[in-house]
PDB file of N, CA and C in Angstrom:
ATOM      1  N   MET A   1     150.004  57.012 126.359  1.00  0.00           N
ATOM      2  CA  MET A   1     151.363  57.489 126.375  1.00  0.00           C
ATOM      3  C   MET A   1     151.670  58.302 125.123  1.00  0.00           C
ATOM      4  N   MET A   2     151.024  57.963 124.045  1.00  0.00           N
ATOM      5  CA  MET A   2     151.258  58.700 122.808  1.00  0.00           C
ATOM      6  C   MET A   2     150.817  60.157 122.951  1.00  0.00           C
ATOM      7  N   GLY A   3     149.734  60.374 123.666  1.00  0.00           N
ATOM      8  CA  GLY A   3     149.255  61.728 123.888  1.00  0.00           C
ATOM      9  C   GLY A   3     150.247  62.560 124.684  1.00  0.00           C
ATOM     10  N   PHE A   4     150.867  61.953 125.698  1.00  0.00           N
ATOM     11  CA  PHE A   4     151.869  62.672 126.479  1.00  0.00           C
ATOM     12  C   PHE A   4     153.105  62.975 125.647  1.00  0.00           C
ATOM     13  N   GLY A   5     153.492  62.042 124.807  1.00  0.00           N
ATOM     14  CA  GLY A   5     154.630  62.280 123.921  1.00  0.00           C
ATOM     15  C   GLY A   5     154.373  63.440 122.983  1.00  0.00           C
ATOM     16  N   ALA A   6     153.174  63.487 122.443  1.00  0.00           N
ATOM     17  CA  ALA A   6     152.817  64.590 121.554  1.00  0.00           C
ATOM     18  C   ALA A   6     152.741  65.903 122.329  1.00  0.00           C
ATOM     19  N   LEU A   7     152.245  65.851 123.555  1.00  0.00           N
ATOM     20  CA  LEU A   7     152.140  67.051 124.382  1.00  0.00           C
ATOM     21  C   LEU A   7     153.525  67.627 124.698  1.00  0.00           C
ATOM     22  N   ILE A   8     154.479  66.771 124.926  1.00  0.00           N
ATOM     23  CA  ILE A   8     155.846  67.224 125.223  1.00  0.00           C
ATOM     24  C   ILE A   8     156.426  68.007 124.051  1.00  0.00           C
ATOM     25  N   THR A   9     156.080  67.618 122.835  1.00  0.00           N
ATOM     26  CA  THR A   9     156.637  68.300 121.663  1.00  0.00           C
ATOM     27  C   THR A   9     156.210  69.765 121.576  1.00  0.00           C
ATOM     28  N   LEU A  10     155.125  70.127 122.238  1.00  0.00           N
ATOM     29  CA  LEU A  10     154.684  71.529 122.215  1.00  0.00           C
ATOM     30  C   LEU A  10     155.644  72.454 122.963  1.00  0.00           C
ATOM     31  N   PHE A  11     156.379  71.899 123.914  1.00  0.00           N
ATOM     32  CA  PHE A  11     157.202  72.731 124.783  1.00  0.00           C
ATOM     33  C   PHE A  11     158.661  72.834 124.354  1.00  0.00           C
ATOM     34  N   PHE A  12     159.049  72.097 123.323  1.00  0.00           N
ATOM     35  CA  PHE A  12     160.454  72.083 122.911  1.00  0.00           C
ATOM     36  C   PHE A  12     160.577  72.383 121.428  1.00  0.00           C
ATOM     37  N   LYS A  13     161.662  73.069 121.071  1.00  0.00           N
ATOM     38  CA  LYS A  13     161.849  73.473 119.680  1.00  0.00           C
ATOM     39  C   LYS A  13     162.526  72.403 118.840  1.00  0.00           C
ATOM     40  N   THR A  14     163.360  71.580 119.469  1.00  0.00           N
ATOM     41  CA  THR A  14     164.068  70.555 118.701  1.00  0.00           C
ATOM     42  C   THR A  14     163.643  69.164 119.153  1.00  0.00           C
ATOM     43  N   ALA A  15     163.807  68.217 118.257  1.00  0.00           N
ATOM     44  CA  ALA A  15     163.447  66.834 118.567  1.00  0.00           C
ATOM     45  C   ALA A  15     164.355  66.261 119.651  1.00  0.00           C
ATOM     46  N   ASP A  16     165.622  66.670 119.650  1.00  0.00           N
ATOM     47  CA  ASP A  16     166.555  66.160 120.660  1.00  0.00           C
ATOM     48  C   ASP A  16     166.148  66.576 122.067  1.00  0.00           C
ATOM     49  N   SER A  17     165.800  67.833 122.243  1.00  0.00           N
ATOM     50  CA  SER A  17     165.408  68.288 123.577  1.00  0.00           C
ATOM     51  C   SER A  17     164.086  67.657 124.007  1.00  0.00           C
ATOM     52  N   ALA A  18     163.159  67.460 123.081  1.00  0.00           N
ATOM     53  CA  ALA A  18     161.896  66.787 123.408  1.00  0.00           C
ATOM     54  C   ALA A  18     162.153  65.337 123.795  1.00  0.00           C
ATOM     55  N   PHE A  19     163.070  64.678 123.092  1.00  0.00           N
ATOM     56  CA  PHE A  19     163.405  63.291 123.405  1.00  0.00           C
ATOM     57  C   PHE A  19     164.015  63.172 124.797  1.00  0.00           C
ATOM     58  N   GLN A  20     164.912  64.092 125.143  1.00  0.00           N
ATOM     59  CA  GLN A  20     165.543  64.049 126.462  1.00  0.00           C
ATOM     60  C   GLN A  20     164.525  64.282 127.568  1.00  0.00           C
ATOM     61  N   ALA A  21     163.632  65.236 127.374  1.00  0.00           N
ATOM     62  CA  ALA A  21     162.601  65.494 128.375  1.00  0.00           C
ATOM     63  C   ALA A  21     161.658  64.300 128.506  1.00  0.00           C
ATOM     64  N   ALA A  22     161.301  63.697 127.389  1.00  0.00           N
ATOM     65  CA  ALA A  22     160.420  62.530 127.424  1.00  0.00           C
ATOM     66  C   ALA A  22     161.086  61.358 128.127  1.00  0.00           C
ATOM     67  N   SER A  23     162.380  61.196 127.931  1.00  0.00           N
ATOM     68  CA  SER A  23     163.109  60.112 128.606  1.00  0.00           C
ATOM     69  C   SER A  23     163.107  60.300 130.117  1.00  0.00           C
ATOM     70  N   ILE A  24     163.331  61.521 130.552  1.00  0.00           N
ATOM     71  CA  ILE A  24     163.315  61.812 131.989  1.00  0.00           C
ATOM     72  C   ILE A  24     161.923  61.581 132.560  1.00  0.00           C
ATOM     73  N   LEU A  25     160.913  62.079 131.878  1.00  0.00           N
ATOM     74  CA  LEU A  25     159.537  61.912 132.339  1.00  0.00           C
ATOM     75  C   LEU A  25     159.144  60.437 132.387  1.00  0.00           C
ATOM     76  N   LEU A  26     159.526  59.682 131.382  1.00  0.00           N
ATOM     77  CA  LEU A  26     159.201  58.258 131.347  1.00  0.00           C
ATOM     78  C   LEU A  26     159.888  57.505 132.482  1.00  0.00           C
ATOM     79  N   THR A  27     161.132  57.838 132.763  1.00  0.00           N
ATOM     80  CA  THR A  27     161.843  57.187 133.864  1.00  0.00           C
ATOM     81  C   THR A  27     161.143  57.446 135.191  1.00  0.00           C
ATOM     82  N   ILE A  28     160.726  58.672 135.420  1.00  0.00           N
ATOM     83  CA  ILE A  28     160.007  59.016 136.650  1.00  0.00           C
ATOM     84  C   ILE A  28     158.680  58.270 136.711  1.00  0.00           C
ATOM     85  N   MET A  29     157.968  58.234 135.600  1.00  0.00           N
ATOM     86  CA  MET A  29     156.677  57.547 135.579  1.00  0.00           C
ATOM     87  C   MET A  29     156.839  56.047 135.817  1.00  0.00           C
ATOM     88  N   ILE A  30     157.855  55.440 135.235  1.00  0.00           N
ATOM     89  CA  ILE A  30     158.092  54.010 135.447  1.00  0.00           C
ATOM     90  C   ILE A  30     158.415  53.745 136.914  1.00  0.00           C
ATOM     91  N   PHE A  31     159.213  54.601 137.512  1.00  0.00           N
ATOM     92  CA  PHE A  31     159.612  54.415 138.904  1.00  0.00           C
ATOM     93  C   PHE A  31     158.414  54.461 139.847  1.00  0.00           C
ATOM     94  N   PHE A  32     157.477  55.376 139.603  1.00  0.00           N
ATOM     95  CA  PHE A  32     156.350  55.561 140.516  1.00  0.00           C
ATOM     96  C   PHE A  32     155.076  54.829 140.103  1.00  0.00           C
ATOM     97  N   SER A  33     155.108  54.039 139.040  1.00  0.00           N
ATOM     98  CA  SER A  33     153.879  53.414 138.552  1.00  0.00           C
ATOM     99  C   SER A  33     153.704  51.962 138.962  1.00  0.00           C
ATOM    100  N   GLY A  34     154.649  51.409 139.691  1.00  0.00           N
ATOM    101  CA  GLY A  34     154.504  50.027 140.124  1.00  0.00           C
ATOM    102  C   GLY A  34     155.109  49.017 139.174  1.00  0.00           C
ATOM    103  N   ILE A  35     155.925  49.454 138.250  1.00  0.00           N
ATOM    104  CA  ILE A  35     156.566  48.524 137.325  1.00  0.00           C
ATOM    105  C   ILE A  35     157.809  47.914 137.973  1.00  0.00           C
ATOM    106  N   TYR A  36     158.651  48.729 138.588  1.00  0.00           N
ATOM    107  CA  TYR A  36     159.864  48.215 139.226  1.00  0.00           C
ATOM    108  C   TYR A  36     159.549  47.457 140.512  1.00  0.00           C
ATOM    109  N   PHE A  37     158.621  47.982 141.295  1.00  0.00           N
ATOM    110  CA  PHE A  37     158.231  47.355 142.556  1.00  0.00           C
ATOM    111  C   PHE A  37     156.808  47.799 142.868  1.00  0.00           C
ATOM    112  N   PRO A  38     156.105  47.078 143.747  1.00  0.00           N
ATOM    113  CA  PRO A  38     154.703  47.425 144.039  1.00  0.00           C
ATOM    114  C   PRO A  38     154.553  48.844 144.595  1.00  0.00           C
ATOM    115  N   ILE A  39     153.468  49.467 144.228  1.00  0.00           N
ATOM    116  CA  ILE A  39     153.185  50.834 144.681  1.00  0.00           C
ATOM    117  C   ILE A  39     153.077  50.891 146.202  1.00  0.00           C
ATOM    118  N   GLU A  40     152.641  49.809 146.811  1.00  0.00           N
ATOM    119  CA  GLU A  40     152.481  49.775 148.265  1.00  0.00           C
ATOM    120  C   GLU A  40     153.804  49.976 149.001  1.00  0.00           C
ATOM    121  N   PHE A  41     154.939  49.761 148.337  1.00  0.00           N
ATOM    122  CA  PHE A  41     156.246  49.964 148.954  1.00  0.00           C
ATOM    123  C   PHE A  41     156.624  51.441 149.016  1.00  0.00           C
ATOM    124  N   LEU A  42     155.928  52.277 148.280  1.00  0.00           N
ATOM    125  CA  LEU A  42     156.229  53.708 148.235  1.00  0.00           C
ATOM    126  C   LEU A  42     155.637  54.415 149.451  1.00  0.00           C
ATOM    127  N   PRO A  43     156.218  55.548 149.860  1.00  0.00           N
ATOM    128  CA  PRO A  43     155.586  56.366 150.899  1.00  0.00           C
ATOM    129  C   PRO A  43     154.209  56.844 150.424  1.00  0.00           C
ATOM    130  N   SER A  44     153.361  57.183 151.361  1.00  0.00           N
ATOM    131  CA  SER A  44     151.966  57.509 151.031  1.00  0.00           C
ATOM    132  C   SER A  44     151.851  58.682 150.055  1.00  0.00           C
ATOM    133  N   TYR A  45     152.714  59.691 150.156  1.00  0.00           N
ATOM    134  CA  TYR A  45     152.603  60.830 149.242  1.00  0.00           C
ATOM    135  C   TYR A  45     152.976  60.440 147.815  1.00  0.00           C
ATOM    136  N   PHE A  46     153.884  59.472 147.647  1.00  0.00           N
ATOM    137  CA  PHE A  46     154.194  58.990 146.304  1.00  0.00           C
ATOM    138  C   PHE A  46     153.106  58.054 145.787  1.00  0.00           C
ATOM    139  N   GLN A  47     152.438  57.342 146.698  1.00  0.00           N
ATOM    140  CA  GLN A  47     151.307  56.515 146.283  1.00  0.00           C
ATOM    141  C   GLN A  47     150.197  57.400 145.719  1.00  0.00           C
ATOM    142  N   SER A  48     149.992  58.553 146.339  1.00  0.00           N
ATOM    143  CA  SER A  48     148.992  59.496 145.829  1.00  0.00           C
ATOM    144  C   SER A  48     149.392  60.009 144.453  1.00  0.00           C
ATOM    145  N   LEU A  49     150.664  60.281 144.257  1.00  0.00           N
ATOM    146  CA  LEU A  49     151.164  60.742 142.964  1.00  0.00           C
ATOM    147  C   LEU A  49     150.947  59.684 141.893  1.00  0.00           C
ATOM    148  N   SER A  50     151.138  58.427 142.245  1.00  0.00           N
ATOM    149  CA  SER A  50     151.030  57.353 141.252  1.00  0.00           C
ATOM    150  C   SER A  50     149.618  57.228 140.686  1.00  0.00           C
ATOM    151  N   ARG A  51     148.623  57.672 141.417  1.00  0.00           N
ATOM    152  CA  ARG A  51     147.238  57.617 140.914  1.00  0.00           C
ATOM    153  C   ARG A  51     147.020  58.531 139.715  1.00  0.00           C
ATOM    154  N   PHE A  52     147.875  59.523 139.547  1.00  0.00           N
ATOM    155  CA  PHE A  52     147.726  60.467 138.445  1.00  0.00           C
ATOM    156  C   PHE A  52     148.586  60.115 137.230  1.00  0.00           C
ATOM    157  N   LEU A  53     149.336  59.036 137.311  1.00  0.00           N
ATOM    158  CA  LEU A  53     150.203  58.633 136.210  1.00  0.00           C
ATOM    159  C   LEU A  53     149.511  57.582 135.350  1.00  0.00           C
ATOM    160  N   PRO A  54     149.395  57.819 134.065  1.00  0.00           N
ATOM    161  CA  PRO A  54     148.723  56.842 133.199  1.00  0.00           C
ATOM    162  C   PRO A  54     149.453  55.505 133.135  1.00  0.00           C
ATOM    163  N   LEU A  55     150.754  55.524 133.340  1.00  0.00           N
ATOM    164  CA  LEU A  55     151.519  54.282 133.293  1.00  0.00           C
ATOM    165  C   LEU A  55     151.134  53.336 134.431  1.00  0.00           C
ATOM    166  N   THR A  56     150.625  53.876 135.534  1.00  0.00           N
ATOM    167  CA  THR A  56     150.148  53.043 136.637  1.00  0.00           C
ATOM    168  C   THR A  56     149.023  52.137 136.162  1.00  0.00           C
ATOM    169  N   TYR A  57     148.093  52.693 135.415  1.00  0.00           N
ATOM    170  CA  TYR A  57     146.942  51.918 134.953  1.00  0.00           C
ATOM    171  C   TYR A  57     147.332  50.956 133.838  1.00  0.00           C
ATOM    172  N   LEU A  58     148.293  51.347 133.025  1.00  0.00           N
ATOM    173  CA  LEU A  58     148.809  50.445 132.001  1.00  0.00           C
ATOM    174  C   LEU A  58     149.500  49.247 132.649  1.00  0.00           C
ATOM    175  N   ALA A  59     150.323  49.503 133.656  1.00  0.00           N
ATOM    176  CA  ALA A  59     151.023  48.422 134.356  1.00  0.00           C
ATOM    177  C   ALA A  59     150.033  47.500 135.054  1.00  0.00           C
ATOM    178  N   ARG A  60     149.024  48.072 135.684  1.00  0.00           N
ATOM    179  CA  ARG A  60     148.013  47.267 136.370  1.00  0.00           C
ATOM    180  C   ARG A  60     147.269  46.377 135.381  1.00  0.00           C
ATOM    181  N   GLY A  61     146.925  46.921 134.230  1.00  0.00           N
ATOM    182  CA  GLY A  61     146.235  46.139 133.208  1.00  0.00           C
ATOM    183  C   GLY A  61     147.098  45.007 132.676  1.00  0.00           C
ATOM    184  N   LEU A  62     148.370  45.293 132.430  1.00  0.00           N
ATOM    185  CA  LEU A  62     149.278  44.248 131.953  1.00  0.00           C
ATOM    186  C   LEU A  62     149.469  43.154 132.998  1.00  0.00           C
ATOM    187  N   GLN A  63     149.529  43.528 134.270  1.00  0.00           N
ATOM    188  CA  GLN A  63     149.654  42.531 135.330  1.00  0.00           C
ATOM    189  C   GLN A  63     148.435  41.618 135.368  1.00  0.00           C
ATOM    190  N   GLN A  64     147.253  42.178 135.149  1.00  0.00           N
ATOM    191  CA  GLN A  64     146.038  41.361 135.129  1.00  0.00           C
ATOM    192  C   GLN A  64     146.018  40.444 133.916  1.00  0.00           C
ATOM    193  N   ILE A  65     146.396  40.951 132.771  1.00  0.00           N
ATOM    194  CA  ILE A  65     146.383  40.151 131.544  1.00  0.00           C
ATOM    195  C   ILE A  65     147.390  39.006 131.627  1.00  0.00           C
ATOM    196  N   MET A  66     148.558  39.262 132.211  1.00  0.00           N
ATOM    197  CA  MET A  66     149.600  38.236 132.290  1.00  0.00           C
ATOM    198  C   MET A  66     149.388  37.273 133.452  1.00  0.00           C
ATOM    199  N   GLY A  67     148.410  37.533 134.300  1.00  0.00           N
ATOM    200  CA  GLY A  67     148.122  36.632 135.404  1.00  0.00           C
ATOM    201  C   GLY A  67     148.902  36.906 136.667  1.00  0.00           C
ATOM    202  N   VAL A  68     149.606  38.031 136.728  1.00  0.00           N
ATOM    203  CA  VAL A  68     150.354  38.385 137.931  1.00  0.00           C
ATOM    204  C   VAL A  68     149.389  38.770 139.047  1.00  0.00           C
ATOM    205  N   SER A  69     148.315  39.443 138.702  1.00  0.00           N
ATOM    206  CA  SER A  69     147.278  39.786 139.672  1.00  0.00           C
ATOM    207  C   SER A  69     145.936  39.277 139.148  1.00  0.00           C
ATOM    208  N   GLN A  70     144.953  39.276 140.028  1.00  0.00           N
ATOM    209  CA  GLN A  70     143.643  38.734 139.679  1.00  0.00           C
ATOM    210  C   GLN A  70     142.984  39.569 138.580  1.00  0.00           C
ATOM    211  N   LEU A  71     142.476  38.878 137.563  1.00  0.00           N
ATOM    212  CA  LEU A  71     141.831  39.548 136.438  1.00  0.00           C
ATOM    213  C   LEU A  71     140.449  40.034 136.847  1.00  0.00           C
ATOM    214  N   LYS A  72     140.236  41.335 136.712  1.00  0.00           N
ATOM    215  CA  LYS A  72     138.937  41.950 136.979  1.00  0.00           C
ATOM    216  C   LYS A  72     138.513  42.630 135.689  1.00  0.00           C
ATOM    217  N   PRO A  73     137.684  41.948 134.876  1.00  0.00           N
ATOM    218  CA  PRO A  73     137.356  42.466 133.537  1.00  0.00           C
ATOM    219  C   PRO A  73     136.780  43.881 133.542  1.00  0.00           C
ATOM    220  N   PHE A  74     135.919  44.200 134.500  1.00  0.00           N
ATOM    221  CA  PHE A  74     135.322  45.534 134.517  1.00  0.00           C
ATOM    222  C   PHE A  74     136.389  46.595 134.769  1.00  0.00           C
ATOM    223  N   ASN A  75     137.253  46.358 135.760  1.00  0.00           N
ATOM    224  CA  ASN A  75     138.319  47.327 136.053  1.00  0.00           C
ATOM    225  C   ASN A  75     139.275  47.465 134.880  1.00  0.00           C
ATOM    226  N   LEU A  76     139.591  46.332 134.253  1.00  0.00           N
ATOM    227  CA  LEU A  76     140.488  46.354 133.098  1.00  0.00           C
ATOM    228  C   LEU A  76     139.885  47.181 131.964  1.00  0.00           C
ATOM    229  N   ALA A  77     138.606  46.973 131.694  1.00  0.00           N
ATOM    230  CA  ALA A  77     137.935  47.731 130.633  1.00  0.00           C
ATOM    231  C   ALA A  77     137.849  49.216 130.988  1.00  0.00           C
ATOM    232  N   LEU A  78     137.561  49.509 132.242  1.00  0.00           N
ATOM    233  CA  LEU A  78     137.448  50.899 132.688  1.00  0.00           C
ATOM    234  C   LEU A  78     138.791  51.626 132.573  1.00  0.00           C
ATOM    235  N   GLU A  79     139.854  50.988 133.029  1.00  0.00           N
ATOM    236  CA  GLU A  79     141.170  51.624 132.974  1.00  0.00           C
ATOM    237  C   GLU A  79     141.669  51.757 131.541  1.00  0.00           C
ATOM    238  N   THR A  80     141.435  50.735 130.725  1.00  0.00           N
ATOM    239  CA  THR A  80     141.844  50.803 129.322  1.00  0.00           C
ATOM    240  C   THR A  80     141.062  51.884 128.588  1.00  0.00           C
ATOM    241  N   GLY A  81     139.773  51.955 128.843  1.00  0.00           N
ATOM    242  CA  GLY A  81     138.949  52.999 128.232  1.00  0.00           C
ATOM    243  C   GLY A  81     139.382  54.386 128.668  1.00  0.00           C
ATOM    244  N   GLY A  82     139.719  54.527 129.942  1.00  0.00           N
ATOM    245  CA  GLY A  82     140.199  55.810 130.445  1.00  0.00           C
ATOM    246  C   GLY A  82     141.495  56.239 129.782  1.00  0.00           C
ATOM    247  N   LEU A  83     142.411  55.289 129.605  1.00  0.00           N
ATOM    248  CA  LEU A  83     143.672  55.601 128.923  1.00  0.00           C
ATOM    249  C   LEU A  83     143.436  55.992 127.471  1.00  0.00           C
ATOM    250  N   LEU A  84     142.521  55.301 126.822  1.00  0.00           N
ATOM    251  CA  LEU A  84     142.203  55.614 125.428  1.00  0.00           C
ATOM    252  C   LEU A  84     141.599  57.012 125.303  1.00  0.00           C
ATOM    253  N   ILE A  85     140.668  57.334 126.179  1.00  0.00           N
ATOM    254  CA  ILE A  85     140.033  58.656 126.153  1.00  0.00           C
ATOM    255  C   ILE A  85     141.064  59.750 126.446  1.00  0.00           C
ATOM    256  N   LEU A  86     141.933  59.522 127.438  1.00  0.00           N
ATOM    257  CA  LEU A  86     142.977  60.500 127.757  1.00  0.00           C
ATOM    258  C   LEU A  86     143.901  60.719 126.566  1.00  0.00           C
ATOM    259  N   SER A  87     144.285  59.641 125.897  1.00  0.00           N
ATOM    260  CA  SER A  87     145.157  59.766 124.721  1.00  0.00           C
ATOM    261  C   SER A  87     144.490  60.566 123.617  1.00  0.00           C
ATOM    262  N   ILE A  88     143.225  60.288 123.358  1.00  0.00           N
ATOM    263  CA  ILE A  88     142.500  61.010 122.308  1.00  0.00           C
ATOM    264  C   ILE A  88     142.400  62.493 122.646  1.00  0.00           C
ATOM    265  N   ILE A  89     142.081  62.799 123.901  1.00  0.00           N
ATOM    266  CA  ILE A  89     141.962  64.200 124.322  1.00  0.00           C
ATOM    267  C   ILE A  89     143.297  64.927 124.161  1.00  0.00           C
ATOM    268  N   LEU A  90     144.388  64.295 124.604  1.00  0.00           N
ATOM    269  CA  LEU A  90     145.696  64.945 124.495  1.00  0.00           C
ATOM    270  C   LEU A  90     146.123  65.126 123.047  1.00  0.00           C
ATOM    271  N   ILE A  91     145.838  64.163 122.199  1.00  0.00           N
ATOM    272  CA  ILE A  91     146.190  64.301 120.784  1.00  0.00           C
ATOM    273  C   ILE A  91     145.386  65.422 120.138  1.00  0.00           C
ATOM    274  N   ILE A  92     144.120  65.554 120.489  1.00  0.00           N
ATOM    275  CA  ILE A  92     143.299  66.651 119.959  1.00  0.00           C
ATOM    276  C   ILE A  92     143.849  68.000 120.430  1.00  0.00           C
ATOM    277  N   ILE A  93     144.221  68.088 121.704  1.00  0.00           N
ATOM    278  CA  ILE A  93     144.788  69.335 122.230  1.00  0.00           C
ATOM    279  C   ILE A  93     146.067  69.694 121.485  1.00  0.00           C
ATOM    280  N   VAL A  94     146.933  68.715 121.292  1.00  0.00           N
ATOM    281  CA  VAL A  94     148.194  68.969 120.590  1.00  0.00           C
ATOM    282  C   VAL A  94     147.932  69.375 119.147  1.00  0.00           C
ATOM    283  N   ALA A  95     146.975  68.727 118.498  1.00  0.00           N
ATOM    284  CA  ALA A  95     146.665  69.062 117.104  1.00  0.00           C
ATOM    285  C   ALA A  95     146.163  70.500 116.987  1.00  0.00           C
ATOM    286  N   LYS A  96     145.393  70.963 117.968  1.00  0.00           N
ATOM    287  CA  LYS A  96     144.878  72.335 117.923  1.00  0.00           C
ATOM    288  C   LYS A  96     145.940  73.367 118.296  1.00  0.00           C
ATOM    289  N   LYS A  97     146.843  73.009 119.201  1.00  0.00           N
ATOM    290  CA  LYS A  97     147.846  73.960 119.683  1.00  0.00           C
ATOM    291  C   LYS A  97     149.105  74.006 118.825  1.00  0.00           C
ATOM    292  N   SER A  98     149.370  72.951 118.101  1.00  0.00           N
ATOM    293  CA  SER A  98     150.637  72.898 117.371  1.00  0.00           C
ATOM    294  C   SER A  98     150.605  73.812 116.158  1.00  0.00           C
ATOM    295  N   SER A  99     151.782  74.252 115.799  1.00  0.00           N
ATOM    296  CA  SER A  99     151.906  75.129 114.635  1.00  0.00           C
ATOM    297  C   SER A  99     152.693  74.431 113.538  1.00  0.00           C
ATOM    298  N   TRP A 100     152.564  73.122 113.479  1.00  0.00           N
ATOM    299  CA  TRP A 100     153.275  72.371 112.449  1.00  0.00           C
ATOM    300  C   TRP A 100     152.642  72.650 111.099  1.00  0.00           C
ATOM    301  N   ALA A 101     153.464  72.739 110.115  1.00  0.00           N
ATOM    302  CA  ALA A 101     152.967  72.953 108.758  1.00  0.00           C
ATOM    303  C   ALA A 101     153.662  71.975 107.827  1.00  0.00           C
ATOM    304  N   ALA A 102     152.923  71.474 106.881  1.00  0.00           N
ATOM    305  CA  ALA A 102     153.514  70.561 105.899  1.00  0.00           C
ATOM    306  C   ALA A 102     154.439  71.360 104.994  1.00  0.00           C
ATOM    307  N   LYS A 103     155.620  70.818 104.757  1.00  0.00           N
ATOM    308  CA  LYS A 103     156.586  71.535 103.916  1.00  0.00           C
ATOM    309  C   LYS A 103     156.738  70.816 102.609  1.00  0.00           C
TER     310      LYS A 103
END
C-alpha cells in the first residue's frame, strides 16, 4: 500500500489533493477487496477486478492469521511476498520518476 501511496503523489501537485485522491482510491479498494463482505457476494465482473487489488491479498492474509479462514502457509507466504515485491517495485518507480529535491 505504501507503494501506491507514493505513486499517487506523482500525479498531484499538492498534498491535499493527493490525500483526497488516496482516500477515494482506498475506499474503493476496501469495498472491492473483501473487507466489508466476502468477495463471493460481488458480481462476477467485480470479482475479477478484486484480483488486481493488493488490498484483497492483504485482507486474505489477515483473515488467515486471525483464524477467520483456514491458514495455508504457502499461500500466505506467496501473497505476502508478492505484496512486498510490488511495494518495492512501485517505490523504485516513484523514486526514479519524482522530481523531489531536498531544500
